[in-house]
PDB file of all heavy atoms in Angstrom:
ATOM      1  N   HIS A   1     -65.157   0.549  42.507  1.00  0.00           N
ATOM      2  CA  HIS A   1     -64.049   0.459  41.634  1.00  0.00           C
ATOM      3  C   HIS A   1     -63.736  -0.972  41.264  1.00  0.00           C
ATOM      4  O   HIS A   1     -63.596  -1.341  40.085  1.00  0.00           O
ATOM      5  CB  HIS A   1     -62.767   1.175  42.082  1.00  0.00           C
ATOM      6  CG  HIS A   1     -61.633   1.024  41.229  1.00  0.00           C
ATOM      7  ND1 HIS A   1     -61.330   1.909  40.131  1.00  0.00           N
ATOM      8  CD2 HIS A   1     -60.530   0.304  41.405  1.00  0.00           C
ATOM      9  CE1 HIS A   1     -60.255   1.634  39.616  1.00  0.00           C
ATOM     10  NE2 HIS A   1     -59.605   0.565  40.269  1.00  0.00           N
ATOM     11  N   CYS A   2     -63.614  -1.831  42.286  1.00  0.00           N
ATOM     12  CA  CYS A   2     -63.224  -3.214  42.058  1.00  0.00           C
ATOM     13  C   CYS A   2     -64.352  -4.049  41.506  1.00  0.00           C
ATOM     14  O   CYS A   2     -64.106  -5.214  40.947  1.00  0.00           O
ATOM     15  CB  CYS A   2     -62.796  -3.836  43.282  1.00  0.00           C
ATOM     16  SG  CYS A   2     -61.315  -3.229  43.980  1.00  0.00           S
ATOM     17  N   LEU A   3     -65.566  -3.547  41.453  1.00  0.00           N
ATOM     18  CA  LEU A   3     -66.650  -4.242  40.884  1.00  0.00           C
ATOM     19  C   LEU A   3     -66.691  -4.099  39.336  1.00  0.00           C
ATOM     20  O   LEU A   3     -67.416  -4.700  38.650  1.00  0.00           O
ATOM     21  CB  LEU A   3     -67.983  -3.858  41.451  1.00  0.00           C
ATOM     22  CG  LEU A   3     -68.344  -4.259  42.878  1.00  0.00           C
ATOM     23  CD1 LEU A   3     -69.475  -3.756  43.404  1.00  0.00           C
ATOM     24  CD2 LEU A   3     -68.542  -5.921  42.777  1.00  0.00           C
ATOM     25  N   LYS A   4     -65.866  -3.213  38.910  1.00  0.00           N
ATOM     26  CA  LYS A   4     -65.764  -2.984  37.421  1.00  0.00           C
ATOM     27  C   LYS A   4     -64.786  -4.097  36.905  1.00  0.00           C
ATOM     28  O   LYS A   4     -63.754  -4.423  37.336  1.00  0.00           O
ATOM     29  CB  LYS A   4     -65.089  -1.596  37.126  1.00  0.00           C
ATOM     30  CG  LYS A   4     -65.867  -0.423  37.602  1.00  0.00           C
ATOM     31  CD  LYS A   4     -65.140   0.890  37.417  1.00  0.00           C
ATOM     32  CE  LYS A   4     -65.855   2.115  38.053  1.00  0.00           C
ATOM     33  NZ  LYS A   4     -65.062   3.314  37.919  1.00  0.00           N
ATOM     34  N   SER A   5     -65.246  -4.693  35.771  1.00  0.00           N
ATOM     35  CA  SER A   5     -64.562  -5.823  35.133  1.00  0.00           C
ATOM     36  C   SER A   5     -63.228  -5.442  34.708  1.00  0.00           C
ATOM     37  O   SER A   5     -62.251  -6.281  34.630  1.00  0.00           O
ATOM     38  CB  SER A   5     -65.469  -6.421  34.064  1.00  0.00           C
ATOM     39  OG  SER A   5     -65.569  -5.481  32.931  1.00  0.00           O
ATOM     40  N   ASP A   6     -62.959  -4.145  34.225  1.00  0.00           N
ATOM     41  CA  ASP A   6     -61.652  -3.780  33.738  1.00  0.00           C
ATOM     42  C   ASP A   6     -60.767  -3.179  34.695  1.00  0.00           C
ATOM     43  O   ASP A   6     -59.580  -2.792  34.375  1.00  0.00           O
ATOM     44  CB  ASP A   6     -61.808  -2.790  32.477  1.00  0.00           C
ATOM     45  CG  ASP A   6     -62.553  -1.537  33.046  1.00  0.00           C
ATOM     46  OD1 ASP A   6     -63.230  -1.595  34.195  1.00  0.00           O
ATOM     47  OD2 ASP A   6     -62.523  -0.555  32.322  1.00  0.00           O
ATOM     48  N   ALA A   7     -61.086  -3.213  35.966  1.00  0.00           N
ATOM     49  CA  ALA A   7     -60.310  -2.628  37.074  1.00  0.00           C
ATOM     50  C   ALA A   7     -59.221  -3.705  37.398  1.00  0.00           C
ATOM     51  O   ALA A   7     -59.428  -4.936  37.369  1.00  0.00           O
ATOM     52  CB  ALA A   7     -61.037  -2.294  38.294  1.00  0.00           C
ATOM     53  N   PRO A   8     -58.031  -3.251  37.878  1.00  0.00           N
ATOM     54  CA  PRO A   8     -56.901  -4.209  38.222  1.00  0.00           C
ATOM     55  C   PRO A   8     -57.357  -5.174  39.231  1.00  0.00           C
ATOM     56  O   PRO A   8     -56.850  -6.315  39.328  1.00  0.00           O
ATOM     57  CB  PRO A   8     -55.782  -3.249  38.676  1.00  0.00           C
ATOM     58  CG  PRO A   8     -56.014  -1.972  37.983  1.00  0.00           C
ATOM     59  CD  PRO A   8     -57.528  -1.888  37.849  1.00  0.00           C
ATOM     60  N   CYS A   9     -58.258  -4.751  40.176  1.00  0.00           N
ATOM     61  CA  CYS A   9     -58.662  -5.583  41.346  1.00  0.00           C
ATOM     62  C   CYS A   9     -60.074  -6.199  40.897  1.00  0.00           C
ATOM     63  O   CYS A   9     -60.742  -6.705  41.898  1.00  0.00           O
ATOM     64  CB  CYS A   9     -58.802  -4.690  42.535  1.00  0.00           C
ATOM     65  SG  CYS A   9     -59.902  -3.234  42.339  1.00  0.00           S
ATOM     66  N   GLY A  10     -60.602  -6.130  39.686  1.00  0.00           N
ATOM     67  CA  GLY A  10     -61.841  -6.549  39.373  1.00  0.00           C
ATOM     68  C   GLY A  10     -62.100  -7.881  38.764  1.00  0.00           C
ATOM     69  O   GLY A  10     -63.068  -8.211  38.176  1.00  0.00           O
ATOM     70  N   ARG A  11     -61.129  -8.763  39.035  1.00  0.00           N
ATOM     71  CA  ARG A  11     -61.255 -10.108  38.451  1.00  0.00           C
ATOM     72  C   ARG A  11     -61.815 -11.118  39.602  1.00  0.00           C
ATOM     73  O   ARG A  11     -61.433 -11.081  40.677  1.00  0.00           O
ATOM     74  CB  ARG A  11     -59.807 -10.634  38.077  1.00  0.00           C
ATOM     75  CG  ARG A  11     -59.173  -9.902  36.938  1.00  0.00           C
ATOM     76  CD  ARG A  11     -57.855 -10.347  36.677  1.00  0.00           C
ATOM     77  NE  ARG A  11     -57.180  -9.551  35.660  1.00  0.00           N
ATOM     78  CZ  ARG A  11     -55.809  -9.743  35.257  1.00  0.00           C
ATOM     79  NH1 ARG A  11     -55.174 -10.698  35.814  1.00  0.00           N
ATOM     80  NH2 ARG A  11     -55.304  -8.935  34.425  1.00  0.00           N
ATOM     81  N   ALA A  12     -62.809 -11.842  39.166  1.00  0.00           N
ATOM     82  CA  ALA A  12     -63.397 -12.854  39.999  1.00  0.00           C
ATOM     83  C   ALA A  12     -64.032 -12.212  41.278  1.00  0.00           C
ATOM     84  O   ALA A  12     -63.774 -12.890  42.330  1.00  0.00           O
ATOM     85  CB  ALA A  12     -62.435 -13.997  40.229  1.00  0.00           C
ATOM     86  N   VAL A  13     -64.559 -11.115  41.202  1.00  0.00           N
ATOM     87  CA  VAL A  13     -65.014 -10.562  42.515  1.00  0.00           C
ATOM     88  C   VAL A  13     -66.267 -11.376  42.871  1.00  0.00           C
ATOM     89  O   VAL A  13     -67.242 -11.492  42.108  1.00  0.00           O
ATOM     90  CB  VAL A  13     -65.432  -9.078  42.334  1.00  0.00           C
ATOM     91  CG1 VAL A  13     -66.127  -8.482  43.549  1.00  0.00           C
ATOM     92  CG2 VAL A  13     -64.291  -8.321  41.810  1.00  0.00           C
ATOM     93  N   PRO A  14     -66.384 -11.766  44.247  1.00  0.00           N
ATOM     94  CA  PRO A  14     -67.478 -12.718  44.600  1.00  0.00           C
ATOM     95  C   PRO A  14     -68.693 -11.779  44.792  1.00  0.00           C
ATOM     96  O   PRO A  14     -68.702 -10.576  44.984  1.00  0.00           O
ATOM     97  CB  PRO A  14     -67.049 -13.272  45.944  1.00  0.00           C
ATOM     98  CG  PRO A  14     -66.106 -12.184  46.455  1.00  0.00           C
ATOM     99  CD  PRO A  14     -65.404 -11.636  45.274  1.00  0.00           C
ATOM    100  N   ALA A  15     -69.856 -12.474  44.824  1.00  0.00           N
ATOM    101  CA  ALA A  15     -71.100 -11.800  44.972  1.00  0.00           C
ATOM    102  C   ALA A  15     -71.235 -10.964  46.286  1.00  0.00           C
ATOM    103  O   ALA A  15     -71.924  -9.945  46.294  1.00  0.00           O
ATOM    104  CB  ALA A  15     -72.351 -12.755  44.910  1.00  0.00           C
ATOM    105  N   ILE A  16     -70.557 -11.375  47.344  1.00  0.00           N
ATOM    106  CA  ILE A  16     -70.557 -10.696  48.668  1.00  0.00           C
ATOM    107  C   ILE A  16     -70.100  -9.320  48.519  1.00  0.00           C
ATOM    108  O   ILE A  16     -70.503  -8.456  49.246  1.00  0.00           O
ATOM    109  CB  ILE A  16     -69.907 -11.503  49.715  1.00  0.00           C
ATOM    110  CG1 ILE A  16     -70.353 -11.058  51.094  1.00  0.00           C
ATOM    111  CG2 ILE A  16     -68.379 -11.504  49.601  1.00  0.00           C
ATOM    112  CD1 ILE A  16     -69.864 -11.987  52.258  1.00  0.00           C
ATOM    113  N   ALA A  17     -69.158  -9.071  47.652  1.00  0.00           N
ATOM    114  CA  ALA A  17     -68.645  -7.675  47.452  1.00  0.00           C
ATOM    115  C   ALA A  17     -69.598  -6.773  46.931  1.00  0.00           C
ATOM    116  O   ALA A  17     -69.793  -5.636  47.345  1.00  0.00           O
ATOM    117  CB  ALA A  17     -67.387  -7.771  46.564  1.00  0.00           C
ATOM    118  N   ALA A  18     -70.430  -7.279  46.009  1.00  0.00           N
ATOM    119  CA  ALA A  18     -71.628  -6.380  45.444  1.00  0.00           C
ATOM    120  C   ALA A  18     -72.616  -6.091  46.576  1.00  0.00           C
ATOM    121  O   ALA A  18     -73.169  -5.066  46.718  1.00  0.00           O
ATOM    122  CB  ALA A  18     -72.159  -7.106  44.281  1.00  0.00           C
ATOM    123  N   THR A  19     -72.932  -7.160  47.387  1.00  0.00           N
ATOM    124  CA  THR A  19     -73.775  -6.995  48.552  1.00  0.00           C
ATOM    125  C   THR A  19     -73.353  -5.952  49.575  1.00  0.00           C
ATOM    126  O   THR A  19     -74.072  -5.089  49.964  1.00  0.00           O
ATOM    127  CB  THR A  19     -74.088  -8.370  49.225  1.00  0.00           C
ATOM    128  OG1 THR A  19     -74.586  -9.267  48.248  1.00  0.00           O
ATOM    129  CG2 THR A  19     -75.116  -8.200  50.267  1.00  0.00           C
ATOM    130  N   VAL A  20     -72.072  -5.979  49.847  1.00  0.00           N
ATOM    131  CA  VAL A  20     -71.554  -5.011  50.800  1.00  0.00           C
ATOM    132  C   VAL A  20     -71.640  -3.655  50.276  1.00  0.00           C
ATOM    133  O   VAL A  20     -71.958  -2.618  50.937  1.00  0.00           O
ATOM    134  CB  VAL A  20     -70.017  -5.369  51.184  1.00  0.00           C
ATOM    135  CG1 VAL A  20     -69.437  -4.346  52.022  1.00  0.00           C
ATOM    136  CG2 VAL A  20     -70.053  -6.728  51.854  1.00  0.00           C
ATOM    137  N   PHE A  21     -71.379  -3.478  48.933  1.00  0.00           N
ATOM    138  CA  PHE A  21     -71.375  -2.141  48.370  1.00  0.00           C
ATOM    139  C   PHE A  21     -72.844  -1.591  48.377  1.00  0.00           C
ATOM    140  O   PHE A  21     -73.064  -0.476  48.723  1.00  0.00           O
ATOM    141  CB  PHE A  21     -70.889  -2.123  46.981  1.00  0.00           C
ATOM    142  CG  PHE A  21     -71.122  -0.850  46.273  1.00  0.00           C
ATOM    143  CD1 PHE A  21     -70.292   0.237  46.468  1.00  0.00           C
ATOM    144  CD2 PHE A  21     -71.972  -0.724  45.169  1.00  0.00           C
ATOM    145  CE1 PHE A  21     -70.605   1.496  45.953  1.00  0.00           C
ATOM    146  CE2 PHE A  21     -72.232   0.440  44.531  1.00  0.00           C
ATOM    147  CZ  PHE A  21     -71.428   1.611  44.948  1.00  0.00           C
ATOM    148  N   GLN A  22     -73.791  -2.409  48.057  1.00  0.00           N
ATOM    149  CA  GLN A  22     -75.204  -2.070  48.033  1.00  0.00           C
ATOM    150  C   GLN A  22     -75.612  -1.638  49.445  1.00  0.00           C
ATOM    151  O   GLN A  22     -76.528  -0.849  49.490  1.00  0.00           O
ATOM    152  CB  GLN A  22     -75.988  -3.068  47.399  1.00  0.00           C
ATOM    153  CG  GLN A  22     -75.813  -3.411  45.942  1.00  0.00           C
ATOM    154  CD  GLN A  22     -76.256  -4.667  45.369  1.00  0.00           C
ATOM    155  OE1 GLN A  22     -76.866  -5.468  46.252  1.00  0.00           O
ATOM    156  NE2 GLN A  22     -76.007  -5.051  44.244  1.00  0.00           N
ATOM    157  N   LYS A  23     -75.140  -2.283  50.454  1.00  0.00           N
ATOM    158  CA  LYS A  23     -75.712  -1.932  51.764  1.00  0.00           C
ATOM    159  C   LYS A  23     -75.188  -0.583  52.233  1.00  0.00           C
ATOM    160  O   LYS A  23     -75.695   0.043  53.094  1.00  0.00           O
ATOM    161  CB  LYS A  23     -75.254  -3.022  52.827  1.00  0.00           C
ATOM    162  CG  LYS A  23     -75.932  -4.340  52.725  1.00  0.00           C
ATOM    163  CD  LYS A  23     -75.544  -5.293  53.773  1.00  0.00           C
ATOM    164  CE  LYS A  23     -76.402  -6.590  53.714  1.00  0.00           C
ATOM    165  NZ  LYS A  23     -76.092  -7.562  54.832  1.00  0.00           N
ATOM    166  N   GLY A  24     -74.088  -0.090  51.618  1.00  0.00           N
ATOM    167  CA  GLY A  24     -73.518   1.257  51.973  1.00  0.00           C
ATOM    168  C   GLY A  24     -72.942   1.449  53.357  1.00  0.00           C
ATOM    169  O   GLY A  24     -72.837   2.564  53.640  1.00  0.00           O
ATOM    170  N   ARG A  25     -72.509   0.362  53.936  1.00  0.00           N
ATOM    171  CA  ARG A  25     -72.013   0.543  55.315  1.00  0.00           C
ATOM    172  C   ARG A  25     -70.449   0.557  55.269  1.00  0.00           C
ATOM    173  O   ARG A  25     -69.796   1.492  55.686  1.00  0.00           O
ATOM    174  CB  ARG A  25     -72.462  -0.542  56.242  1.00  0.00           C
ATOM    175  CG  ARG A  25     -74.046  -0.494  56.416  1.00  0.00           C
ATOM    176  CD  ARG A  25     -74.508  -1.273  57.436  1.00  0.00           C
ATOM    177  NE  ARG A  25     -74.228  -2.728  57.206  1.00  0.00           N
ATOM    178  CZ  ARG A  25     -74.556  -3.827  57.925  1.00  0.00           C
ATOM    179  NH1 ARG A  25     -75.284  -3.668  59.067  1.00  0.00           N
ATOM    180  NH2 ARG A  25     -74.245  -5.043  57.679  1.00  0.00           N
ATOM    181  N   ASP A  26     -69.897  -0.578  54.905  1.00  0.00           N
ATOM    182  CA  ASP A  26     -68.497  -0.736  55.085  1.00  0.00           C
ATOM    183  C   ASP A  26     -67.730  -0.434  53.694  1.00  0.00           C
ATOM    184  O   ASP A  26     -67.472  -1.193  52.774  1.00  0.00           O
ATOM    185  CB  ASP A  26     -68.236  -2.206  55.339  1.00  0.00           C
ATOM    186  CG  ASP A  26     -68.937  -2.713  56.510  1.00  0.00           C
ATOM    187  OD1 ASP A  26     -68.828  -2.052  57.602  1.00  0.00           O
ATOM    188  OD2 ASP A  26     -69.742  -3.578  56.443  1.00  0.00           O
ATOM    189  N   TRP A  27     -67.348   0.925  53.539  1.00  0.00           N
ATOM    190  CA  TRP A  27     -66.734   1.391  52.388  1.00  0.00           C
ATOM    191  C   TRP A  27     -65.357   1.935  52.682  1.00  0.00           C
ATOM    192  O   TRP A  27     -64.997   2.168  53.739  1.00  0.00           O
ATOM    193  CB  TRP A  27     -67.523   2.639  51.896  1.00  0.00           C
ATOM    194  CG  TRP A  27     -68.813   2.250  51.127  1.00  0.00           C
ATOM    195  CD1 TRP A  27     -69.256   0.963  50.813  1.00  0.00           C
ATOM    196  CD2 TRP A  27     -69.790   3.094  50.686  1.00  0.00           C
ATOM    197  NE1 TRP A  27     -70.517   1.037  50.147  1.00  0.00           N
ATOM    198  CE2 TRP A  27     -70.830   2.328  49.946  1.00  0.00           C
ATOM    199  CE3 TRP A  27     -69.969   4.455  50.555  1.00  0.00           C
ATOM    200  CZ2 TRP A  27     -71.986   2.872  49.347  1.00  0.00           C
ATOM    201  CZ3 TRP A  27     -71.146   5.075  50.040  1.00  0.00           C
ATOM    202  CH2 TRP A  27     -72.023   4.314  49.299  1.00  0.00           C
ATOM    203  N   GLN A  28     -64.617   1.917  51.579  1.00  0.00           N
ATOM    204  CA  GLN A  28     -63.269   2.559  51.619  1.00  0.00           C
ATOM    205  C   GLN A  28     -63.118   3.521  50.410  1.00  0.00           C
ATOM    206  O   GLN A  28     -63.338   3.112  49.274  1.00  0.00           O
ATOM    207  CB  GLN A  28     -62.134   1.425  51.438  1.00  0.00           C
ATOM    208  CG  GLN A  28     -62.048   0.550  52.677  1.00  0.00           C
ATOM    209  CD  GLN A  28     -60.807  -0.362  52.600  1.00  0.00           C
ATOM    210  OE1 GLN A  28     -59.773   0.063  52.013  1.00  0.00           O
ATOM    211  NE2 GLN A  28     -60.912  -1.491  53.237  1.00  0.00           N
ATOM    212  N   PHE A  29     -62.869   4.806  50.706  1.00  0.00           N
ATOM    213  CA  PHE A  29     -62.656   5.852  49.638  1.00  0.00           C
ATOM    214  C   PHE A  29     -61.159   5.979  49.556  1.00  0.00           C
ATOM    215  O   PHE A  29     -60.409   5.922  50.619  1.00  0.00           O
ATOM    216  CB  PHE A  29     -63.157   7.128  50.033  1.00  0.00           C
ATOM    217  CG  PHE A  29     -64.824   7.095  50.132  1.00  0.00           C
ATOM    218  CD1 PHE A  29     -65.476   6.877  51.290  1.00  0.00           C
ATOM    219  CD2 PHE A  29     -65.495   7.418  49.013  1.00  0.00           C
ATOM    220  CE1 PHE A  29     -66.886   6.885  51.354  1.00  0.00           C
ATOM    221  CE2 PHE A  29     -66.960   7.384  48.966  1.00  0.00           C
ATOM    222  CZ  PHE A  29     -67.535   7.076  50.233  1.00  0.00           C
ATOM    223  N   PHE A  30     -60.607   6.345  48.339  1.00  0.00           N
ATOM    224  CA  PHE A  30     -59.200   6.603  48.253  1.00  0.00           C
ATOM    225  C   PHE A  30     -59.041   7.730  47.188  1.00  0.00           C
ATOM    226  O   PHE A  30     -59.706   7.797  46.230  1.00  0.00           O
ATOM    227  CB  PHE A  30     -58.412   5.343  47.908  1.00  0.00           C
ATOM    228  CG  PHE A  30     -58.728   4.731  46.513  1.00  0.00           C
ATOM    229  CD1 PHE A  30     -57.960   5.039  45.292  1.00  0.00           C
ATOM    230  CD2 PHE A  30     -59.856   3.957  46.369  1.00  0.00           C
ATOM    231  CE1 PHE A  30     -58.285   4.470  44.114  1.00  0.00           C
ATOM    232  CE2 PHE A  30     -60.130   3.324  45.158  1.00  0.00           C
ATOM    233  CZ  PHE A  30     -59.422   3.605  44.039  1.00  0.00           C
ATOM    234  N   SER A  31     -58.016   8.543  47.487  1.00  0.00           N
ATOM    235  CA  SER A  31     -57.689   9.695  46.560  1.00  0.00           C
ATOM    236  C   SER A  31     -56.246   9.932  46.606  1.00  0.00           C
ATOM    237  O   SER A  31     -55.650   9.850  47.726  1.00  0.00           O
ATOM    238  CB  SER A  31     -58.519  10.883  47.069  1.00  0.00           C
ATOM    239  OG  SER A  31     -58.204  11.979  46.245  1.00  0.00           O
ATOM    240  N   PRO A  32     -55.664  10.348  45.515  1.00  0.00           N
ATOM    241  CA  PRO A  32     -54.246  10.599  45.447  1.00  0.00           C
ATOM    242  C   PRO A  32     -53.857  11.989  46.195  1.00  0.00           C
ATOM    243  O   PRO A  32     -54.730  12.819  46.409  1.00  0.00           O
ATOM    244  CB  PRO A  32     -53.869  10.734  43.916  1.00  0.00           C
ATOM    245  CG  PRO A  32     -55.135  11.188  43.354  1.00  0.00           C
ATOM    246  CD  PRO A  32     -56.276  10.626  44.147  1.00  0.00           C
ATOM    247  N   GLY A  33     -52.568  12.193  46.379  1.00  0.00           N
ATOM    248  CA  GLY A  33     -52.078  13.427  46.872  1.00  0.00           C
ATOM    249  C   GLY A  33     -51.173  14.061  45.835  1.00  0.00           C
ATOM    250  O   GLY A  33     -50.922  13.411  44.705  1.00  0.00           O
ATOM    251  N   TYR A  34     -50.663  15.271  46.063  1.00  0.00           N
ATOM    252  CA  TYR A  34     -49.805  15.838  45.079  1.00  0.00           C
ATOM    253  C   TYR A  34     -48.448  15.160  44.841  1.00  0.00           C
ATOM    254  O   TYR A  34     -47.917  15.241  43.798  1.00  0.00           O
ATOM    255  CB  TYR A  34     -49.528  17.354  45.631  1.00  0.00           C
ATOM    256  CG  TYR A  34     -50.744  18.112  45.641  1.00  0.00           C
ATOM    257  CD1 TYR A  34     -50.940  19.163  46.572  1.00  0.00           C
ATOM    258  CD2 TYR A  34     -51.795  18.130  44.640  1.00  0.00           C
ATOM    259  CE1 TYR A  34     -52.061  19.921  46.661  1.00  0.00           C
ATOM    260  CE2 TYR A  34     -52.884  18.930  44.654  1.00  0.00           C
ATOM    261  CZ  TYR A  34     -53.033  19.835  45.727  1.00  0.00           C
ATOM    262  OH  TYR A  34     -54.159  20.564  45.715  1.00  0.00           O
ATOM    263  N   ARG A  35     -48.035  14.458  45.940  1.00  0.00           N
ATOM    264  CA  ARG A  35     -46.683  13.843  45.790  1.00  0.00           C
ATOM    265  C   ARG A  35     -46.700  12.281  45.578  1.00  0.00           C
ATOM    266  O   ARG A  35     -45.652  11.734  45.372  1.00  0.00           O
ATOM    267  CB  ARG A  35     -45.868  14.065  47.023  1.00  0.00           C
ATOM    268  CG  ARG A  35     -45.511  15.568  47.216  1.00  0.00           C
ATOM    269  CD  ARG A  35     -44.746  15.845  48.484  1.00  0.00           C
ATOM    270  NE  ARG A  35     -43.396  15.144  48.472  1.00  0.00           N
ATOM    271  CZ  ARG A  35     -42.593  15.224  49.445  1.00  0.00           C
ATOM    272  NH1 ARG A  35     -42.821  15.977  50.527  1.00  0.00           N
ATOM    273  NH2 ARG A  35     -41.410  14.566  49.273  1.00  0.00           N
ATOM    274  N   ALA A  36     -47.903  11.775  45.579  1.00  0.00           N
ATOM    275  CA  ALA A  36     -47.943  10.313  45.216  1.00  0.00           C
ATOM    276  C   ALA A  36     -49.358   9.867  44.817  1.00  0.00           C
ATOM    277  O   ALA A  36     -50.332  10.505  45.359  1.00  0.00           O
ATOM    278  CB  ALA A  36     -47.636   9.514  46.545  1.00  0.00           C
TER     279      ALA A  36
END
């Protein structure tokens, strides 16, 4: 999500973030609930 240029967290993402995503090890998933 943050590697997208239009995402709120997507400004000036360093190259290391893309490398971490590509390795597929250290990930964080997030999903809303019914109340928040």
